Amino acid sequence: MDLSTRAIGEVVHPTAAFYRPPPETKGTPESPSTVDNAAESSWESSLLNPKNRIDSLELPQNPLWRVDGCAGLGTQYYVLPLFLQRIPPMRMDVFVSDLQPPLIREQLELDRAFHTKDAARLSRLAIARHIIRILQAWTTNDFQDLDAFEKYYKRVPFGSRIVIEDMALDTRRIRLRVGLNHNLEHKLLPPSTLKYLWGPEFPLPEVIDFFDVHVVSVLHDSVCLVRIHEQLYIFKALTSGAKYLYHELKMLCTLEPHANIIARPIHLVTKRCNFGTKRAVAGFTTFYHSKGTLRDVLPLLRAHGRLRRDDQLKWSIQLTRALEDLKSRSGTYYPDLRLDNIVLSESSDVVMVDFEQRGVWCEFAAPEINAIEYVRLIATDENVPESISDKYREILEELVSDFESLEDERYRNPEFGFNIPWIALSTIEQEAAEVYMLGRVLWCIFEGVSGPQKAAVWQSYRWEPDLEFPQYRRTPQAMRDLIDRCTRGRRETLSKVIVRRHSRLLLTSKAVNEQTADDVKNAARTFWSAEIDAAEKFLGLRNAQRRKGVWNDNYYGRPTLNQVLEALEAFRNEVPSPPKP
């Protein structure tokens, strides 16, 4: 089964147990393998036919644009106009429909773009080169000159979209439409409103103007490397879900300082919106840590024989101390614990980033978090039959009575953020869930891999893991025992049944030539039906025992953060230091 956004609902999410395709996608050709063989071999649909081949992937001699990355499962591409002397962080990305004919999907490598996000690998894909050629033609043909384009670019609302409406292999046949994102600017709030919500004495950072921020590169769908007065910073902004931006801003401004937690924002970046006189907060800046994330550092160090036990223990201890500090001194939870959100400082110490509190991908959290998240996904997915979603909405209301207000896009200053599964838990349960995620991160650190899955559906890595959690190959026995205690209650994941191999979803139980897309969907439906049943039973037991006052908040008997810290420090004291050179 080929990768597409439809695969999320049909296979990857628990919605697969009940999924019914939306009417507009029914009958859309899924992949070349699903098309009638006779038609496929005909001249009209053959790649030997010149009209079915891409006109060219040769980049212009002086390209006007650059593609810096990809998000939205291969539908959103970060692009920068290179001809501007100073590029403001407009975040005017290119959007491509996922529903493309097989000939286009194959030649533009859209299945690979689904899971390829970084600029280095994405730049080698046909879709990235095609987009650069499309934008080159648009810029030179639709505008009087480059100065005219610059004026236009700086006038559009923040987060506007360049939409490729009719994708074609011939760039001359492609039409672009600019979707002006007035709705986003309408939802952005001025500093005065944030002060009203947070209190008149709230310590907002220094305010700077949007056009004083100049983009160097786009690192993520919400993160740019920028230059302000010749100094590099990270600029954080969201082009969807501005409420998460404001929640993170509040969090970072109020957290107790800690050496291994990102420092409070440096600048508040405001932009005058197109309608009225409102000057709203579009984002904020933080320190730039140039050494990158543990996701990329760990496999690289291991490959070169430079991943030292001292560093593994140092990072593990620093991370555990930071989590404990967040709980004990700042009174909050951290649901985003994964290697992507741990960067290295100049002194090679870990620094935790990303405090939106949105959580990790489906299946990557503790089983008790997953149970509630599965219920939430089914309750709120429009492609699940209403009779089914109504049932799960009732379960969700029992867990978090005001969950619907948290799903609203407007920012209303909720005390605990917007993460429904984590809000549903007590503080003891939250700590136990953090310990579970910490255990998986410790496994990655001691195994020296980029993630806990060999080939995660959501994202491929420059250096893919060579084994999958909870397999062990390099972790010392004492740390294996600790990780196993931290991850008590873990369940089998979808990857035991269905894996991503290159850019396809395949069954682990059948040879590639013996399975169909329907086989994959049916296996996903069986797997998720069992997981949802287990989730319902767990939540039913928790609800019944809580009402009786006998529920054990540490249901799986995991260690506390302090106990994890003690175990790490004890092991460090037992390990002899390497000889000095």
Protein backbone atom coordinates (compact mmCIF):
# COMPACT_ATOMS: atom_id res chain seq x y z
CA MET A 1 0.00 0.00 0.00
CA ASP A 2 1.45 3.34 -1.04
CA LEU A 3 1.88 6.14 1.47
CA SER A 4 -0.59 9.02 1.34
CA THR A 5 -2.48 11.14 3.84
CA ARG A 6 -5.42 8.75 3.43
CA ALA A 7 -3.24 5.98 4.89
CA ILE A 8 -3.31 7.78 8.24
CA GLY A 9 -7.04 7.25 8.70
CA GLU A 10 -7.12 3.87 6.99
CA VAL A 11 -4.08 2.27 8.62
CA VAL A 12 -1.93 4.35 10.97
CA HIS A 13 -4.49 5.84 13.36
CA PRO A 14 -6.98 3.86 15.48
CA THR A 15 -9.68 5.36 13.26
CA ALA A 16 -8.77 2.50 10.90
CA ALA A 17 -11.11 0.29 12.93
CA PHE A 18 -14.11 2.34 11.74
CA TYR A 19 -12.82 4.43 8.83
CA ARG A 20 -15.02 5.24 5.85
CA PRO A 21 -13.37 7.28 3.08
CA PRO A 22 -14.80 10.76 2.45
CA PRO A 23 -16.94 10.90 -0.72
CA GLU A 24 -14.48 13.04 -2.66
CA THR A 25 -11.70 10.45 -2.31
CA LYS A 26 -13.75 7.39 -3.28
CA GLY A 27 -12.51 5.94 -6.52
CA THR A 28 -9.29 7.96 -6.46
CA PRO A 29 -6.56 5.74 -7.88
CA GLU A 30 -4.38 4.68 -4.99
CA SER A 31 -1.29 3.36 -6.73
CA PRO A 32 -0.17 1.87 -10.03
CA SER A 33 -0.74 -1.60 -8.58
CA THR A 34 -4.48 -0.96 -8.18
CA VAL A 35 -5.05 0.06 -11.78
CA ASP A 36 -6.16 -2.51 -14.30
CA ASN A 37 -3.09 -4.17 -15.82
CA ALA A 38 -4.35 -3.82 -19.36
CA ALA A 39 -4.97 -0.11 -18.99
CA GLU A 40 -1.63 0.34 -17.27
CA SER A 41 0.25 -1.21 -20.15
CA SER A 42 -1.58 0.81 -22.77
CA TRP A 43 0.23 3.53 -24.69
CA GLU A 44 -1.99 6.23 -23.19
CA SER A 45 -0.76 5.49 -19.67
CA SER A 46 2.73 4.24 -20.49
CA LEU A 47 5.85 6.03 -19.26
CA LEU A 48 7.27 5.44 -22.73
CA ASN A 49 4.72 7.92 -24.01
CA PRO A 50 6.43 11.36 -23.96
CA LYS A 51 3.26 13.09 -22.74
CA ASN A 52 3.40 11.01 -19.56
CA ARG A 53 6.95 12.00 -18.67
CA ILE A 54 8.04 15.01 -16.68
CA ASP A 55 9.26 17.78 -18.98
CA SER A 56 12.49 18.40 -17.02
CA LEU A 57 13.95 18.36 -13.53
CA GLU A 58 16.94 20.50 -14.45
CA LEU A 59 17.20 23.41 -12.01
CA PRO A 60 17.42 26.93 -13.46
CA GLN A 61 20.95 28.28 -13.83
CA ASN A 62 20.16 30.91 -11.19
CA PRO A 63 17.27 29.51 -9.14
CA LEU A 64 15.10 32.17 -7.53
CA TRP A 65 13.73 29.81 -4.87
CA ARG A 66 14.91 27.12 -2.47
CA VAL A 67 12.99 24.28 -0.79
CA ASP A 68 14.07 23.93 2.85
CA GLY A 69 11.91 21.07 4.05
CA CYS A 70 8.56 19.37 4.08
CA ALA A 71 5.64 18.81 6.43
CA GLY A 72 2.00 17.82 6.26
CA LEU A 73 2.96 14.29 5.18
CA GLY A 74 4.27 15.45 1.84
CA THR A 75 1.73 18.19 1.18
CA GLN A 76 3.51 21.29 2.57
CA TYR A 77 6.92 22.53 1.37
CA TYR A 78 8.93 25.32 3.01
CA VAL A 79 10.17 27.65 0.28
CA LEU A 80 12.33 30.78 0.39
CA PRO A 81 12.72 33.48 -2.30
CA LEU A 82 16.51 33.68 -2.66
CA PHE A 83 16.48 36.93 -4.64
CA LEU A 84 15.34 38.99 -1.64
CA GLN A 85 18.23 40.65 0.15
CA ARG A 86 16.45 40.20 3.47
CA ILE A 87 13.77 37.51 3.69
CA PRO A 88 11.07 38.25 6.30
CA PRO A 89 9.56 35.16 8.01
CA MET A 90 6.33 35.27 5.98
CA ARG A 91 6.04 31.45 6.04
CA MET A 92 4.43 31.46 2.60
CA ASP A 93 4.79 27.73 1.95
CA VAL A 94 3.80 25.68 -1.09
CA PHE A 95 0.89 23.25 -0.72
CA VAL A 96 0.34 20.26 -2.99
CA SER A 97 -2.71 18.02 -2.97
CA ASP A 98 -2.02 14.45 -1.92
CA LEU A 99 -4.62 13.11 -4.36
CA GLN A 100 -2.56 12.86 -7.53
CA PRO A 101 -2.78 10.32 -10.40
CA PRO A 102 -0.30 7.43 -10.15
CA LEU A 103 1.87 8.72 -13.01
CA ILE A 104 2.40 12.02 -11.21
CA ARG A 105 2.88 10.43 -7.79
CA GLU A 106 5.51 8.07 -9.15
CA GLN A 107 7.54 10.57 -11.18
CA LEU A 108 7.46 13.31 -8.54
CA GLU A 109 8.30 10.79 -5.76
CA LEU A 110 5.40 11.95 -3.61
CA ASP A 111 5.42 8.70 -1.62
CA ARG A 112 9.00 9.41 -0.52
CA ALA A 113 8.14 13.04 0.28
CA PHE A 114 5.49 11.71 2.70
CA HIS A 115 8.18 10.72 5.21
CA THR A 116 11.19 12.83 4.08
CA LYS A 117 11.37 16.15 5.89
CA ASP A 118 14.94 17.48 5.97
CA ALA A 119 16.34 19.76 3.28
CA ALA A 120 19.39 17.60 2.47
CA ARG A 121 17.41 14.54 1.38
CA LEU A 122 14.32 16.38 0.15
CA SER A 123 16.38 18.44 -2.31
CA ARG A 124 17.21 15.21 -4.15
CA LEU A 125 13.54 14.34 -4.72
CA ALA A 126 11.80 15.19 -7.97
CA ILE A 127 9.00 17.11 -6.24
CA ALA A 128 11.45 19.62 -4.72
CA ARG A 129 13.07 20.33 -8.08
CA HIS A 130 9.66 20.52 -9.76
CA ILE A 131 8.46 23.09 -7.21
CA ILE A 132 11.55 25.25 -7.78
CA ARG A 133 10.89 25.23 -11.53
CA ILE A 134 7.19 26.04 -10.99
CA LEU A 135 8.01 28.98 -8.70
CA GLN A 136 10.68 30.24 -11.10
CA ALA A 137 8.10 30.42 -13.90
CA TRP A 138 5.47 32.00 -11.65
CA THR A 139 7.82 34.69 -10.34
CA THR A 140 9.13 35.70 -13.75
CA ASN A 141 5.87 35.41 -15.73
CA ASP A 142 3.22 36.72 -13.33
CA PHE A 143 5.08 39.75 -11.96
CA GLN A 144 6.50 42.78 -13.72
CA ASP A 145 9.89 42.29 -12.11
CA LEU A 146 11.45 40.93 -8.92
CA ASP A 147 10.86 44.22 -7.09
CA ALA A 148 7.15 43.91 -7.81
CA PHE A 149 7.17 40.39 -6.38
CA GLU A 150 9.00 41.58 -3.24
CA LYS A 151 6.33 44.24 -2.61
CA TYR A 152 3.61 41.64 -3.07
CA TYR A 153 5.39 39.10 -0.84
CA LYS A 154 5.70 41.54 2.03
CA ARG A 155 2.06 42.63 1.80
CA VAL A 156 0.34 39.23 2.02
CA PRO A 157 -0.94 38.04 5.42
CA PHE A 158 1.45 35.98 7.54
CA GLY A 159 1.17 32.26 6.76
CA SER A 160 -0.44 32.67 3.34
CA ARG A 161 -0.23 29.66 1.02
CA ILE A 162 1.00 29.07 -2.50
CA VAL A 163 -1.38 26.37 -3.68
CA ILE A 164 -0.60 24.23 -6.72
CA GLU A 165 -4.14 23.59 -7.92
CA ASP A 166 -3.55 21.46 -11.01
CA MET A 167 -0.33 19.53 -10.64
CA ALA A 168 1.10 18.45 -13.99
CA LEU A 169 4.35 17.06 -15.29
CA ASP A 170 4.68 20.03 -17.66
CA THR A 171 5.31 23.20 -15.63
CA ARG A 172 3.64 25.29 -18.34
CA ARG A 173 0.29 23.66 -17.58
CA ILE A 174 0.35 24.30 -13.84
CA ARG A 175 -1.81 26.95 -12.21
CA LEU A 176 -0.91 28.55 -8.87
CA ARG A 177 -3.27 30.21 -6.45
CA VAL A 178 -2.27 32.23 -3.40
CA GLY A 179 -4.47 31.54 -0.40
CA LEU A 180 -4.38 34.71 1.71
CA ASN A 181 -4.44 33.64 5.35
CA HIS A 182 -6.50 36.48 6.79
CA ASN A 183 -8.08 33.98 9.19
CA LEU A 184 -4.74 33.38 10.92
CA GLU A 185 -4.00 37.08 11.34
CA HIS A 186 -7.52 37.52 12.73
CA LYS A 187 -6.70 34.97 15.47
CA LEU A 188 -3.32 36.49 16.35
CA LEU A 189 -3.40 38.50 19.58
CA PRO A 190 -1.68 41.80 20.44
CA PRO A 191 0.62 41.99 23.50
CA SER A 192 -2.04 44.02 25.35
CA THR A 193 -4.53 41.14 25.09
CA LEU A 194 -1.93 38.66 26.36
CA LYS A 195 -1.23 41.01 29.28
CA TYR A 196 -4.96 41.15 30.00
CA LEU A 197 -5.17 37.35 30.03
CA TRP A 198 -1.96 36.73 31.97
CA GLY A 199 -1.91 39.73 34.27
CA PRO A 200 -0.57 43.30 34.00
CA GLU A 201 2.76 42.34 35.60
CA PHE A 202 3.42 39.43 33.25
CA PRO A 203 7.09 39.55 32.13
CA LEU A 204 6.78 39.74 28.34
CA PRO A 205 10.07 39.75 26.37
CA GLU A 206 11.38 42.74 24.43
CA VAL A 207 9.14 43.55 21.45
CA ILE A 208 10.67 43.77 17.96
CA ASP A 209 9.16 44.29 14.53
CA PHE A 210 8.42 41.36 12.22
CA PHE A 211 10.41 42.87 9.34
CA ASP A 212 13.54 43.19 11.49
CA VAL A 213 13.71 39.38 11.49
CA HIS A 214 15.50 37.88 8.47
CA VAL A 215 15.27 34.19 7.62
CA VAL A 216 18.45 32.18 7.07
CA SER A 217 16.70 28.82 6.70
CA VAL A 218 13.46 27.05 7.62
CA LEU A 219 14.19 24.17 10.00
CA HIS A 220 10.69 22.94 10.78
CA ASP A 221 7.08 23.82 10.09
CA SER A 222 7.18 26.09 13.15
CA VAL A 223 10.89 26.94 13.44
CA CYS A 224 13.22 29.17 11.40
CA LEU A 225 16.86 30.05 11.85
CA VAL A 226 16.89 33.85 11.63
CA ARG A 227 19.30 36.75 11.86
CA ILE A 228 18.55 39.86 13.93
CA HIS A 229 21.19 42.58 13.92
CA GLU A 230 23.77 40.07 12.64
CA GLN A 231 23.11 37.56 15.43
CA LEU A 232 21.49 34.14 14.91
CA TYR A 233 18.34 33.11 16.77
CA ILE A 234 15.54 30.58 16.53
CA PHE A 235 12.20 32.09 15.51
CA LYS A 236 9.16 30.12 16.64
CA ALA A 237 5.82 30.74 14.93
CA LEU A 238 2.78 28.68 13.97
CA THR A 239 0.79 29.12 10.78
CA SER A 240 -2.00 26.98 12.20
CA GLY A 241 -3.03 26.61 15.82
CA ALA A 242 -1.81 29.97 17.15
CA LYS A 243 -3.24 28.98 20.53
CA TYR A 244 -0.33 26.55 21.01
CA LEU A 245 2.15 29.35 20.31
CA TYR A 246 0.68 31.54 23.05
CA HIS A 247 0.53 28.65 25.48
CA GLU A 248 4.20 27.89 24.87
CA LEU A 249 5.12 31.57 25.22
CA LYS A 250 3.37 31.70 28.58
CA MET A 251 5.05 28.47 29.67
CA LEU A 252 8.56 29.61 28.75
CA CYS A 253 8.10 32.97 30.45
CA THR A 254 6.97 31.40 33.72
CA LEU A 255 9.05 28.20 34.04
CA GLU A 256 11.66 28.19 36.76
CA PRO A 257 15.10 28.52 35.12
CA HIS A 258 17.05 25.31 34.65
CA ALA A 259 20.33 24.66 32.81
CA ASN A 260 18.80 21.86 30.75
CA ILE A 261 15.56 23.63 29.77
CA ILE A 262 15.41 26.24 27.02
CA ALA A 263 15.72 29.75 28.46
CA ARG A 264 12.84 32.22 28.36
CA PRO A 265 12.20 33.89 24.97
CA ILE A 266 14.47 36.77 23.97
CA HIS A 267 12.16 38.72 21.65
CA LEU A 268 8.44 39.00 21.10
CA VAL A 269 7.94 39.43 17.34
CA THR A 270 4.91 41.54 16.36
CA LYS A 271 3.41 42.21 12.93
CA ARG A 272 0.90 44.79 11.81
CA CYS A 273 -2.05 42.83 10.44
CA ASN A 274 -3.58 43.66 7.08
CA PHE A 275 -6.97 44.67 8.40
CA GLY A 276 -7.29 47.43 10.97
CA THR A 277 -4.43 48.68 13.09
CA LYS A 278 -3.83 45.57 15.18
CA ARG A 279 -0.17 44.77 15.83
CA ALA A 280 -0.23 41.15 16.87
CA VAL A 281 2.26 38.63 18.25
CA ALA A 282 3.34 36.41 15.34
CA GLY A 283 6.07 34.54 17.22
CA PHE A 284 9.05 34.75 19.54
CA THR A 285 12.79 34.10 19.42
CA THR A 286 14.96 31.83 21.54
CA PHE A 287 18.64 30.85 21.63
CA TYR A 288 20.06 28.92 18.69
CA HIS A 289 21.90 25.71 19.61
CA SER A 290 23.96 24.89 16.52
CA LYS A 291 24.97 21.34 17.51
CA GLY A 292 21.53 20.03 16.63
CA THR A 293 19.24 17.43 18.20
CA LEU A 294 20.04 14.09 19.81
CA ARG A 295 18.05 12.50 17.00
CA ASP A 296 20.85 13.35 14.57
CA VAL A 297 23.79 13.40 16.99
CA LEU A 298 23.40 9.92 18.51
CA PRO A 299 23.64 7.75 15.36
CA LEU A 300 26.41 9.94 13.94
CA LEU A 301 28.55 9.61 17.07
CA ARG A 302 27.93 5.87 17.21
CA ALA A 303 28.83 5.40 13.54
CA HIS A 304 32.18 7.10 14.15
CA GLY A 305 32.90 5.27 17.42
CA ARG A 306 32.61 8.48 19.45
CA LEU A 307 29.50 7.76 21.53
CA ARG A 308 30.99 7.63 25.02
CA ARG A 309 29.39 6.07 28.07
CA ASP A 310 30.18 9.22 30.09
CA ASP A 311 28.13 11.33 27.67
CA GLN A 312 25.26 8.86 27.59
CA LEU A 313 25.03 8.96 31.38
CA LYS A 314 25.49 12.73 31.54
CA TRP A 315 22.66 13.33 29.08
CA SER A 316 20.38 10.79 30.78
CA ILE A 317 20.93 12.35 34.20
CA GLN A 318 20.52 15.91 32.92
CA LEU A 319 17.27 14.99 31.20
CA THR A 320 15.86 13.25 34.26
CA ARG A 321 16.79 16.18 36.51
CA ALA A 322 15.10 18.61 34.13
CA LEU A 323 11.88 16.56 34.10
CA GLU A 324 11.90 16.36 37.89
CA ASP A 325 12.47 20.12 38.08
CA LEU A 326 9.51 20.80 35.79
CA LYS A 327 7.31 18.71 38.07
CA SER A 328 8.54 19.87 41.46
CA ARG A 329 9.41 23.56 40.88
CA SER A 330 7.23 24.59 37.95
CA GLY A 331 4.28 22.27 38.66
CA THR A 332 3.79 21.19 35.06
CA TYR A 333 4.08 18.18 32.77
CA TYR A 334 6.13 17.54 29.64
CA PRO A 335 4.29 15.41 27.04
CA ASP A 336 6.69 16.07 24.13
CA LEU A 337 9.64 13.94 25.21
CA ARG A 338 11.44 12.65 22.10
CA LEU A 339 14.89 13.05 20.62
CA ASP A 340 13.77 15.78 18.19
CA ASN A 341 13.04 18.01 21.20
CA ILE A 342 16.42 17.58 22.88
CA VAL A 343 19.22 19.78 21.52
CA LEU A 344 22.86 20.02 22.53
CA SER A 345 24.38 23.23 23.86
CA GLU A 346 27.86 24.48 22.93
CA SER A 347 29.18 22.60 25.98
CA SER A 348 27.39 19.41 24.80
CA ASP A 349 24.78 19.49 27.55
CA VAL A 350 21.17 18.60 26.75
CA VAL A 351 18.57 21.34 26.45
CA MET A 352 14.85 20.51 26.31
CA VAL A 353 12.82 22.53 23.80
CA ASP A 354 9.22 22.65 22.49
CA PHE A 355 6.78 23.46 25.26
CA GLU A 356 3.56 23.60 23.25
CA GLN A 357 2.49 20.52 25.28
CA ARG A 358 0.81 18.95 22.24
CA GLY A 359 2.31 15.50 22.84
CA VAL A 360 4.04 12.93 20.66
CA TRP A 361 2.82 10.92 17.68
CA CYS A 362 0.11 8.32 18.04
CA GLU A 363 1.53 5.17 19.72
CA PHE A 364 4.70 6.92 20.95
CA ALA A 365 3.32 7.79 24.41
CA ALA A 366 2.62 5.66 27.49
CA PRO A 367 -0.23 3.13 27.07
CA GLU A 368 -2.50 5.06 29.46
CA ILE A 369 -1.99 8.23 27.38
CA ASN A 370 -2.51 6.28 24.17
CA ALA A 371 -5.77 4.84 25.49
CA ILE A 372 -7.25 8.32 25.93
CA GLU A 373 -5.73 9.60 22.69
CA TYR A 374 -7.31 6.73 20.75
CA VAL A 375 -10.69 7.68 22.21
CA ARG A 376 -10.12 11.34 21.31
CA LEU A 377 -9.13 10.55 17.72
CA ILE A 378 -12.19 8.39 17.14
CA ALA A 379 -14.51 10.87 18.86
CA THR A 380 -13.37 13.82 16.74
CA ASP A 381 -12.66 12.27 13.30
CA GLU A 382 -15.24 13.21 10.68
CA ASN A 383 -14.59 10.01 8.73
CA VAL A 384 -15.79 7.82 11.59
CA PRO A 385 -19.54 7.04 11.53
CA GLU A 386 -21.47 9.39 13.82
CA SER A 387 -22.97 6.55 15.86
CA ILE A 388 -19.43 5.39 16.69
CA SER A 389 -17.95 8.83 17.37
CA ASP A 390 -20.88 9.73 19.68
CA LYS A 391 -20.06 6.73 21.86
CA TYR A 392 -16.44 7.81 22.25
CA ARG A 393 -17.39 11.45 22.82
CA GLU A 394 -19.30 10.30 25.90
CA ILE A 395 -16.21 8.47 27.17
CA LEU A 396 -14.12 11.58 26.51
CA GLU A 397 -16.58 13.83 28.36
CA GLU A 398 -16.27 11.61 31.43
CA LEU A 399 -12.50 12.08 31.34
CA VAL A 400 -12.40 15.83 30.56
CA SER A 401 -15.82 17.45 30.80
CA ASP A 402 -14.85 20.60 28.88
CA PHE A 403 -12.84 18.88 26.13
CA GLU A 404 -14.84 20.63 23.40
CA SER A 405 -13.68 24.06 24.58
CA LEU A 406 -10.07 22.82 24.41
CA GLU A 407 -10.62 21.77 20.78
CA ASP A 408 -11.63 25.37 19.90
CA GLU A 409 -9.02 27.18 17.80
CA ARG A 410 -9.23 30.39 19.83
CA TYR A 411 -6.79 31.01 22.68
CA ARG A 412 -8.58 31.31 26.05
CA ASN A 413 -5.65 30.93 28.44
CA PRO A 414 -6.35 27.41 29.77
CA GLU A 415 -4.36 26.69 32.91
CA PHE A 416 -3.06 23.29 31.80
CA GLY A 417 -2.83 23.70 28.04
CA PHE A 418 -4.80 21.81 25.39
CA ASN A 419 -3.55 18.23 25.68
CA ILE A 420 -6.70 16.30 26.59
CA PRO A 421 -5.10 12.91 27.48
CA TRP A 422 -2.58 14.54 29.83
CA ILE A 423 -5.14 16.88 31.40
CA ALA A 424 -7.27 13.81 32.17
CA LEU A 425 -4.52 12.35 34.39
CA SER A 426 -3.56 13.14 37.97
CA THR A 427 -0.08 14.50 38.70
CA ILE A 428 1.10 11.05 39.81
CA GLU A 429 -0.24 9.52 36.60
CA GLN A 430 1.44 12.27 34.58
CA GLU A 431 4.79 11.52 36.21
CA ALA A 432 4.38 7.80 35.47
CA ALA A 433 3.64 8.63 31.82
CA GLU A 434 6.73 10.86 31.66
CA VAL A 435 8.85 8.04 33.08
CA TYR A 436 7.56 5.75 30.32
CA MET A 437 8.65 8.19 27.62
CA LEU A 438 11.93 8.78 29.45
CA GLY A 439 12.56 5.03 29.34
CA ARG A 440 12.20 5.01 25.56
CA VAL A 441 14.54 8.01 25.25
CA LEU A 442 17.09 6.30 27.50
CA TRP A 443 16.88 3.27 25.21
CA CYS A 444 17.69 5.52 22.21
CA ILE A 445 20.59 7.15 24.07
CA PHE A 446 22.23 3.87 25.14
CA GLU A 447 21.58 2.14 21.81
CA GLY A 448 22.77 5.22 19.92
CA VAL A 449 19.82 5.38 17.52
CA SER A 450 17.63 8.14 16.10
CA GLY A 451 14.30 6.78 17.29
CA PRO A 452 12.51 3.83 18.91
CA GLN A 453 11.14 2.45 15.62
CA LYS A 454 13.09 1.08 12.66
CA ALA A 455 10.97 2.81 10.03
CA ALA A 456 8.42 5.15 11.59
CA VAL A 457 5.53 5.86 9.23
CA TRP A 458 5.51 9.56 10.07
CA GLN A 459 9.14 10.34 9.37
CA SER A 460 12.29 8.79 7.99
CA TYR A 461 15.70 9.81 9.30
CA ARG A 462 19.08 10.41 7.75
CA TRP A 463 20.32 7.50 9.84
CA GLU A 464 17.48 5.02 10.35
CA PRO A 465 17.61 2.82 13.49
CA ASP A 466 18.98 -0.68 12.97
CA LEU A 467 16.79 -2.20 15.69
CA GLU A 468 13.47 -1.49 17.34
CA PHE A 469 12.44 -0.88 20.94
CA PRO A 470 12.55 -2.94 23.16
CA GLN A 471 15.32 -4.97 21.47
CA TYR A 472 18.75 -4.54 23.05
CA ARG A 473 22.19 -4.73 21.53
CA ARG A 474 24.48 -2.14 23.16
CA THR A 475 22.73 -1.10 26.40
CA PRO A 476 24.43 -2.23 29.66
CA GLN A 477 22.41 -4.73 31.72
CA ALA A 478 21.76 -2.30 34.58
CA MET A 479 20.30 0.22 32.15
CA ARG A 480 18.26 -2.47 30.43
CA ASP A 481 16.67 -3.34 33.76
CA LEU A 482 15.95 0.35 34.45
CA ILE A 483 14.44 0.93 30.99
CA ASP A 484 12.25 -2.16 31.38
CA ARG A 485 10.96 -0.85 34.73
CA CYS A 486 10.30 2.59 33.23
CA THR A 487 8.29 1.10 30.37
CA ARG A 488 6.15 -1.33 32.31
CA GLY A 489 2.74 -1.78 30.67
CA ARG A 490 4.07 -1.37 27.15
CA ARG A 491 2.00 -2.90 24.39
CA GLU A 492 2.78 -4.24 20.95
CA THR A 493 2.73 -1.53 18.30
CA LEU A 494 1.37 -1.45 14.77
CA SER A 495 4.91 -2.02 13.48
CA LYS A 496 4.64 -5.66 14.56
CA VAL A 497 1.94 -6.10 11.93
CA ILE A 498 2.56 -3.35 9.34
CA VAL A 499 5.84 -1.62 8.53
CA ARG A 500 7.03 1.14 6.26
CA ARG A 501 9.50 -0.29 3.80
CA HIS A 502 10.97 2.57 1.80
CA SER A 503 7.75 4.39 0.82
CA ARG A 504 5.16 1.63 1.14
CA LEU A 505 3.13 0.14 3.98
CA LEU A 506 3.55 -3.63 4.02
CA LEU A 507 2.42 -6.58 6.11
CA THR A 508 5.16 -8.28 8.10
CA SER A 509 3.43 -11.65 7.67
CA LYS A 510 3.36 -11.90 3.86
CA ALA A 511 5.71 -11.57 0.94
CA VAL A 512 5.39 -8.27 -0.93
CA ASN A 513 4.06 -9.93 -4.08
CA GLU A 514 1.40 -11.81 -2.09
CA GLN A 515 -0.37 -8.86 -0.47
CA THR A 516 -2.68 -6.07 -1.54
CA ALA A 517 -3.63 -2.68 -0.14
CA ASP A 518 -6.88 -4.23 1.14
CA ASP A 519 -4.84 -6.84 3.06
CA VAL A 520 -2.96 -4.02 4.80
CA LYS A 521 -6.18 -2.15 5.65
CA ASN A 522 -7.83 -5.30 7.00
CA ALA A 523 -4.81 -6.10 9.17
CA ALA A 524 -4.84 -2.53 10.50
CA ARG A 525 -8.54 -2.80 11.24
CA THR A 526 -7.98 -6.01 13.23
CA PHE A 527 -5.02 -4.57 15.14
CA TRP A 528 -6.76 -1.33 16.04
CA SER A 529 -10.01 -3.03 17.02
CA ALA A 530 -8.07 -5.03 19.62
CA GLU A 531 -6.19 -1.93 20.84
CA ILE A 532 -9.39 0.09 21.17
CA ASP A 533 -11.02 -2.75 23.09
CA ALA A 534 -8.02 -2.84 25.47
CA ALA A 535 -8.17 0.95 25.85
CA GLU A 536 -11.88 0.86 26.71
CA LYS A 537 -11.35 -1.86 29.30
CA PHE A 538 -8.46 0.03 30.90
CA LEU A 539 -10.41 3.30 31.06
CA GLY A 540 -13.49 1.49 32.38
CA LEU A 541 -11.42 -0.12 35.15
CA ARG A 542 -9.77 3.21 36.01
CA ASN A 543 -13.14 4.97 36.16
CA ALA A 544 -14.73 2.28 38.36
CA GLN A 545 -11.81 2.14 40.81
CA ARG A 546 -11.49 5.92 40.99
CA ARG A 547 -15.14 6.15 42.00
CA LYS A 548 -14.47 3.61 44.77
CA GLY A 549 -11.33 5.48 45.81
CA VAL A 550 -9.10 2.44 45.29
CA TRP A 551 -7.35 3.37 42.01
CA ASN A 552 -3.56 3.17 42.07
CA ASP A 553 -2.35 6.22 40.10
CA ASN A 554 0.92 4.40 39.37
CA TYR A 555 -1.05 1.50 37.91
CA TYR A 556 1.91 -0.14 36.16
CA GLY A 557 4.32 0.26 39.08
CA ARG A 558 6.93 2.36 37.30
CA PRO A 559 9.70 4.11 39.24
CA THR A 560 9.38 7.82 40.02
CA LEU A 561 11.64 10.36 38.33
CA ASN A 562 13.71 10.58 41.52
CA GLN A 563 14.12 6.81 41.57
CA VAL A 564 15.23 6.85 37.93
CA LEU A 565 17.74 9.57 38.80
CA GLU A 566 19.08 7.53 41.73
CA ALA A 567 19.51 4.47 39.49
CA LEU A 568 21.36 6.48 36.84
CA GLU A 569 23.68 8.10 39.37
CA ALA A 570 24.36 4.76 41.06
CA PHE A 571 25.31 3.22 37.72
CA ARG A 572 27.53 6.19 36.86
CA ASN A 573 29.38 5.75 40.16
CA GLU A 574 29.96 2.06 39.38
CA VAL A 575 31.32 2.62 35.87
CA PRO A 576 35.07 3.29 35.84
CA SER A 577 36.10 6.52 34.12
CA PRO A 578 38.00 6.11 30.84
CA PRO A 579 41.76 6.73 31.04
CA LYS A 580 42.89 10.28 30.31
CA PRO A 581 44.73 10.69 27.01
